[in-house]
Structures are given as structure tokens and as C-alpha cells.
Protein backbone atom coordinates (compact mmCIF):
# COMPACT_ATOMS: atom_id res chain seq x y z
CA MET A 1 41.72 -28.43 38.00
CA ALA A 2 42.51 -31.58 39.95
CA ASN A 3 39.40 -33.42 41.10
CA ASN A 4 40.84 -36.12 43.34
CA ALA A 5 43.35 -36.39 46.15
CA SER A 6 46.09 -38.10 44.14
CA ALA A 7 45.95 -35.43 41.43
CA ARG A 8 46.14 -32.65 44.04
CA LYS A 9 49.12 -34.40 45.65
CA ARG A 10 50.81 -34.65 42.25
CA ILE A 11 50.39 -30.90 41.78
CA ARG A 12 51.95 -30.24 45.20
CA GLN A 13 54.87 -32.57 44.40
CA THR A 14 55.43 -30.96 41.02
CA GLU A 15 55.53 -27.47 42.56
CA LYS A 16 58.12 -28.55 45.14
CA ARG A 17 60.22 -30.33 42.53
CA THR A 18 60.06 -27.32 40.19
CA ILE A 19 61.37 -25.01 42.92
CA ARG A 20 64.15 -27.46 43.80
CA ASN A 21 65.16 -27.96 40.17
CA LYS A 22 65.13 -24.22 39.49
CA ALA A 23 67.47 -23.64 42.46
CA ARG A 24 69.79 -26.43 41.31
CA ARG A 25 69.86 -25.12 37.73
CA SER A 26 70.57 -21.58 38.96
CA ARG A 27 73.38 -22.84 41.20
CA VAL A 28 75.02 -24.72 38.33
CA ARG A 29 74.75 -21.68 36.07
CA GLY A 30 76.46 -19.62 38.77
CA PHE A 31 79.36 -22.06 38.91
CA ILE A 32 79.64 -22.00 35.11
CA ARG A 33 79.58 -18.19 35.16
CA LYS A 34 82.48 -18.15 37.63
CA VAL A 35 84.50 -20.43 35.35
CA GLU A 36 83.75 -18.25 32.31
CA GLN A 37 84.73 -15.08 34.20
CA ALA A 38 88.00 -16.70 35.24
CA ILE A 39 88.64 -17.70 31.61
CA ALA A 40 87.90 -14.15 30.50
CA SER A 41 90.35 -12.78 33.06
CA GLY A 42 93.04 -14.96 31.48
CA ASP A 43 94.26 -16.58 34.71
CA LYS A 44 94.61 -20.29 34.00
CA GLY A 45 95.05 -21.28 37.67
CA ILE A 46 91.91 -19.55 38.87
CA ALA A 47 89.94 -20.88 35.89
CA ALA A 48 91.10 -24.44 36.55
CA ALA A 49 90.19 -24.13 40.23
CA ALA A 50 86.76 -22.77 39.31
CA LEU A 51 86.22 -25.71 36.95
CA VAL A 52 87.22 -28.19 39.67
CA ALA A 53 84.62 -26.57 41.94
CA ALA A 54 81.95 -26.55 39.22
CA GLN A 55 82.36 -30.13 38.05
CA PRO A 56 80.82 -31.97 41.03
CA GLU A 57 77.91 -29.54 41.12
CA MET A 58 77.24 -30.12 37.43
CA GLN A 59 77.46 -33.90 37.84
CA ARG A 60 75.11 -33.74 40.82
CA ALA A 61 72.57 -31.90 38.65
CA VAL A 62 72.74 -34.86 36.24
CA THR A 63 71.98 -37.37 38.99
CA LYS A 64 69.04 -35.23 40.13
CA GLY A 65 67.66 -35.13 36.59
CA VAL A 66 68.04 -31.38 36.13
CA PHE A 67 70.47 -31.66 33.21
CA HIS A 68 71.11 -34.45 30.73
CA LEU A 69 74.41 -36.30 31.07
CA ASN A 70 75.55 -35.42 27.55
CA THR A 71 74.76 -31.74 28.09
CA VAL A 72 76.97 -31.56 31.17
CA SER A 73 79.71 -33.61 29.51
CA ARG A 74 79.70 -31.25 26.53
CA LYS A 75 79.83 -28.15 28.74
CA LEU A 76 82.67 -29.55 30.85
CA SER A 77 84.59 -30.53 27.74
CA ARG A 78 84.22 -27.10 26.16
CA LEU A 79 85.15 -25.28 29.36
CA SER A 80 88.26 -27.42 29.88
CA ALA A 81 89.27 -26.86 26.23
CA ARG A 82 88.94 -23.10 26.74
CA ILE A 83 91.06 -23.30 29.88
CA LYS A 84 93.74 -25.26 28.01
CA ALA A 85 93.66 -22.62 25.28
CA ILE A 86 94.57 -19.94 27.84
CA GLY A 87 98.01 -21.49 28.29
CA ALA A 88 98.46 -21.98 24.56
CA THR A 89 97.67 -18.36 23.71
CA ALA A 90 99.86 -17.04 26.52
CA GLU A 91 102.86 -19.10 25.36
CA ALA A 92 102.47 -18.30 21.65
């Protein structure tokens, strides 16, 4: 256990940061889930709108240190590719 004031303060800060990060991560996952549900429904317009709403939230999580930049870039790239594929499968 922490024996001095600075160590106890660090513990308090870490607890607050953990709660904040968990909320941010959960929020981002919710946005991603909405995009994936829209993709599954097959409506390209709704899926694209959901991705536009999710993108700033995902980028914000990067600036807050919750996700790594490359992780978010990869997820955005894969989601946008899946949305583009909706139009390709519907036309074919």
C-alpha cells in the first residue's frame, strides 16, 4: 500500500483516469457497434452517416490516449471498406 502522500495521490489520479478511459472506450465501442449494425442492415446511407458520427469520437479517443492512432486508423479503414462493399454487392 502507498506509504506517502504523493503515492496516495497517484492512486487517486489513476482511479479517476481509469474510470474516464473506460467510459471513453465504451462510448467508442458503441459508435462502432452502430456502424456495424448499419452495415449488417445493408443500408449504405445509414452506415456512412454512422461512420461520419463515429470518426471524430474515435479520433478523440486517440488524442486522450485511450486508443493507439494506428488502431483507430485501421478500424476506420476497415469500416469504410465494408461500407463501400455494400454498394458493390448491391450493384453486382
